[in-house]
């Protein structure tokens, strides 16, 4: 009976060490400074020197990367060393840990530049605009034409009824 708690006591830290190592492998700890003076940390996978958060993309430059222990607040033996980058939530480039006023490009702009589908959609729209520049867009015009014909038809019905002597 005394052996079970001892096994749990020895296996739990070993499990936490391997679980945390697996969770941190190939990821970057990103610290995002928000406008309300709060700091949000996210562990994000690195993809070709970029990290993606929702609809935004952020550059990773080795010059601005620092090493920190993750997760914060755990005992040092259970923590894992991970690369850490500091960002302003609206900027695509990392902040210099020493000179924080170095701002370059919006993170939304960078994401749209990196997204291949957005570029392809813009090209398709441009091609359609060039080909059909002089054409009529019937899907937009047809409802107005039908509405106009309906009004003309109602006016014609009222005119014919009044000429026939039938009260309206």
Protein backbone atom coordinates (compact mmCIF):
# COMPACT_ATOMS: atom_id res chain seq x y z
CA UNK A 1 0.00 0.00 0.00
CA UNK A 2 2.82 2.42 0.74
CA UNK A 3 4.35 1.68 -2.65
CA UNK A 4 1.52 3.26 -4.75
CA UNK A 5 1.92 6.85 -3.44
CA UNK A 6 5.68 6.56 -3.87
CA UNK A 7 5.30 5.48 -7.51
CA UNK A 8 2.85 8.32 -8.19
CA UNK A 9 5.19 10.78 -6.50
CA UNK A 10 8.08 9.68 -8.74
CA UNK A 11 6.16 9.25 -12.03
CA UNK A 12 4.16 12.49 -11.94
CA UNK A 13 7.19 14.82 -12.31
CA UNK A 14 8.69 12.59 -15.01
CA UNK A 15 5.40 12.65 -16.91
CA UNK A 16 5.18 16.47 -16.58
CA UNK A 17 8.75 16.89 -17.83
CA UNK A 18 8.17 14.79 -20.97
CA UNK A 19 4.70 16.24 -21.60
CA UNK A 20 6.01 19.82 -21.36
CA UNK A 21 9.01 19.00 -23.59
CA UNK A 22 6.70 17.51 -26.24
CA UNK A 23 4.33 20.49 -26.01
CA UNK A 24 7.15 23.06 -26.47
CA UNK A 25 9.01 21.30 -29.28
CA UNK A 26 9.20 23.51 -32.41
CA UNK A 27 7.22 26.33 -30.82
CA UNK A 28 7.96 29.92 -29.87
CA UNK A 29 6.64 31.71 -26.80
CA UNK A 30 5.15 34.97 -28.06
CA UNK A 31 4.41 37.77 -25.64
CA UNK A 32 1.83 40.22 -27.03
CA UNK A 33 1.58 43.70 -25.53
CA UNK A 34 -1.97 45.02 -25.80
CA UNK A 35 -3.28 48.57 -25.82
CA UNK A 36 -4.78 48.12 -22.35
CA UNK A 37 -1.25 47.58 -20.90
CA UNK A 38 -1.76 43.83 -20.49
CA UNK A 39 0.61 41.14 -21.73
CA UNK A 40 -0.70 37.90 -23.26
CA UNK A 41 1.55 34.88 -23.78
CA UNK A 42 0.91 32.26 -26.48
CA UNK A 43 2.97 29.23 -27.41
CA UNK A 44 2.80 29.17 -31.23
CA UNK A 45 4.41 26.88 -33.82
CA UNK A 46 7.12 28.44 -35.98
CA UNK A 47 6.53 28.24 -39.74
CA UNK A 48 9.35 29.55 -41.98
CA UNK A 49 10.42 32.30 -39.56
CA UNK A 50 6.80 33.38 -39.01
CA UNK A 51 4.19 32.68 -36.36
CA UNK A 52 0.47 32.92 -37.03
CA UNK A 53 -2.16 33.95 -34.50
CA UNK A 54 -5.75 33.92 -35.73
CA UNK A 55 -5.80 36.19 -38.82
CA UNK A 56 -2.41 37.74 -38.15
CA UNK A 57 1.18 36.88 -39.00
CA UNK A 58 4.31 37.92 -37.17
CA UNK A 59 7.98 37.86 -38.24
CA UNK A 60 10.65 36.18 -36.13
CA UNK A 61 14.11 37.74 -36.22
CA UNK A 62 16.94 36.00 -34.32
CA UNK A 63 18.16 39.41 -33.16
CA UNK A 64 15.02 39.89 -31.06
CA UNK A 65 14.69 36.34 -29.68
CA UNK A 66 15.44 35.66 -26.02
CA UNK A 67 15.41 32.36 -24.16
CA UNK A 68 12.99 31.94 -21.28
CA UNK A 69 11.56 29.13 -19.18
CA UNK A 70 8.04 27.88 -19.92
CA UNK A 71 5.54 27.56 -18.29
CA UNK A 72 6.18 30.44 -15.96
CA UNK A 73 5.55 29.71 -12.31
CA UNK A 74 6.42 26.01 -12.44
CA UNK A 75 9.45 24.65 -10.59
CA UNK A 76 12.65 25.09 -12.64
CA UNK A 77 13.12 21.31 -12.95
CA UNK A 78 9.76 20.99 -14.76
CA UNK A 79 10.18 24.02 -17.04
CA UNK A 80 11.44 23.91 -20.61
CA UNK A 81 13.70 26.50 -22.28
CA UNK A 82 11.90 28.09 -25.24
CA UNK A 83 12.67 30.97 -27.61
CA UNK A 84 10.65 34.02 -26.63
CA UNK A 85 9.68 37.02 -28.74
CA UNK A 86 7.99 40.27 -27.67
CA UNK A 87 5.37 41.82 -29.98
CA UNK A 88 2.98 44.68 -30.01
CA UNK A 89 -0.38 43.13 -30.88
CA UNK A 90 -0.77 45.38 -33.94
CA UNK A 91 2.80 45.15 -35.34
CA UNK A 92 4.15 42.37 -37.52
CA UNK A 93 7.78 42.79 -36.47
CA UNK A 94 9.03 41.90 -32.99
CA UNK A 95 9.81 44.61 -30.52
CA UNK A 96 13.39 45.18 -29.52
CA UNK A 97 13.70 44.17 -25.87
CA UNK A 98 15.85 47.24 -25.28
CA UNK A 99 14.34 49.87 -27.61
CA UNK A 100 10.62 49.11 -27.70
CA UNK A 101 9.69 52.08 -29.94
CA UNK A 102 10.95 50.31 -33.10
CA UNK A 103 7.69 49.70 -35.06
CA UNK A 104 7.51 48.65 -38.71
CA UNK A 105 4.47 46.94 -40.32
CA UNK A 106 0.97 46.01 -39.17
CA UNK A 107 0.43 42.31 -38.46
CA UNK A 108 -2.79 42.32 -40.53
CA UNK A 109 -0.87 43.66 -43.55
CA UNK A 110 1.77 40.96 -43.21
CA UNK A 111 -0.84 38.19 -42.96
CA UNK A 112 -2.55 39.42 -46.12
CA UNK A 113 0.82 39.53 -47.90
CA UNK A 114 1.63 35.97 -46.84
CA UNK A 115 -1.76 34.48 -47.62
CA UNK A 116 -1.58 33.00 -51.12
CA UNK A 117 -5.38 32.83 -51.44
CA UNK A 118 -5.80 36.57 -50.99
CA UNK A 119 -3.29 37.28 -53.74
CA UNK A 120 -4.95 34.74 -56.03
CA UNK A 121 -8.41 36.20 -55.33
CA UNK A 122 -7.18 39.71 -56.07
CA UNK A 123 -5.71 38.51 -59.38
CA UNK A 124 -8.97 36.75 -60.33
CA UNK A 125 -10.99 39.86 -59.51
CA UNK A 126 -8.65 41.99 -61.59
CA UNK A 127 -8.95 39.58 -64.55
CA UNK A 128 -12.74 39.52 -64.31
CA UNK A 129 -12.78 43.31 -64.11
CA UNK A 130 -10.68 43.61 -67.27
CA UNK A 131 -12.73 41.09 -69.25
CA UNK A 132 -16.18 42.27 -68.24
CA UNK A 133 -15.54 46.00 -67.86
CA UNK A 134 -18.06 46.93 -70.59
CA UNK A 135 -20.62 44.23 -69.82
CA UNK A 136 -23.85 44.48 -67.86
CA UNK A 137 -24.07 42.74 -64.51
CA UNK A 138 -27.49 41.17 -64.96
CA UNK A 139 -27.74 39.80 -61.42
CA UNK A 140 -27.75 43.36 -60.11
CA UNK A 141 -29.83 44.96 -62.87
CA UNK A 142 -32.56 42.33 -63.35
CA UNK A 143 -34.46 42.99 -60.08
CA UNK A 144 -34.74 46.70 -60.92
CA UNK A 145 -35.96 45.91 -64.44
CA UNK A 146 -38.63 43.54 -63.06
CA UNK A 147 -39.69 46.13 -60.47
CA UNK A 148 -40.01 48.78 -63.19
CA UNK A 149 -42.06 46.42 -65.41
CA UNK A 150 -44.33 45.63 -62.46
CA UNK A 151 -45.01 49.31 -61.81
CA UNK A 152 -45.65 49.97 -65.51
CA UNK A 153 -48.02 46.98 -65.56
CA UNK A 154 -49.99 48.25 -62.53
CA UNK A 155 -50.30 51.72 -64.07
CA UNK A 156 -51.50 50.15 -67.34
CA UNK A 157 -54.11 48.07 -65.49
CA UNK A 158 -55.46 51.17 -63.70
CA UNK A 159 -55.60 53.13 -66.97
CA UNK A 160 -57.47 50.34 -68.81
CA UNK A 161 -59.93 49.91 -65.94
CA UNK A 162 -60.67 53.63 -65.82
CA UNK A 163 -61.28 53.73 -69.62
CA UNK A 164 -63.58 50.70 -69.40
CA UNK A 165 -65.66 52.45 -66.74
CA UNK A 166 -64.96 49.96 -64.00
CA UNK A 167 -64.50 51.74 -60.63
CA UNK A 168 -61.18 51.14 -58.95
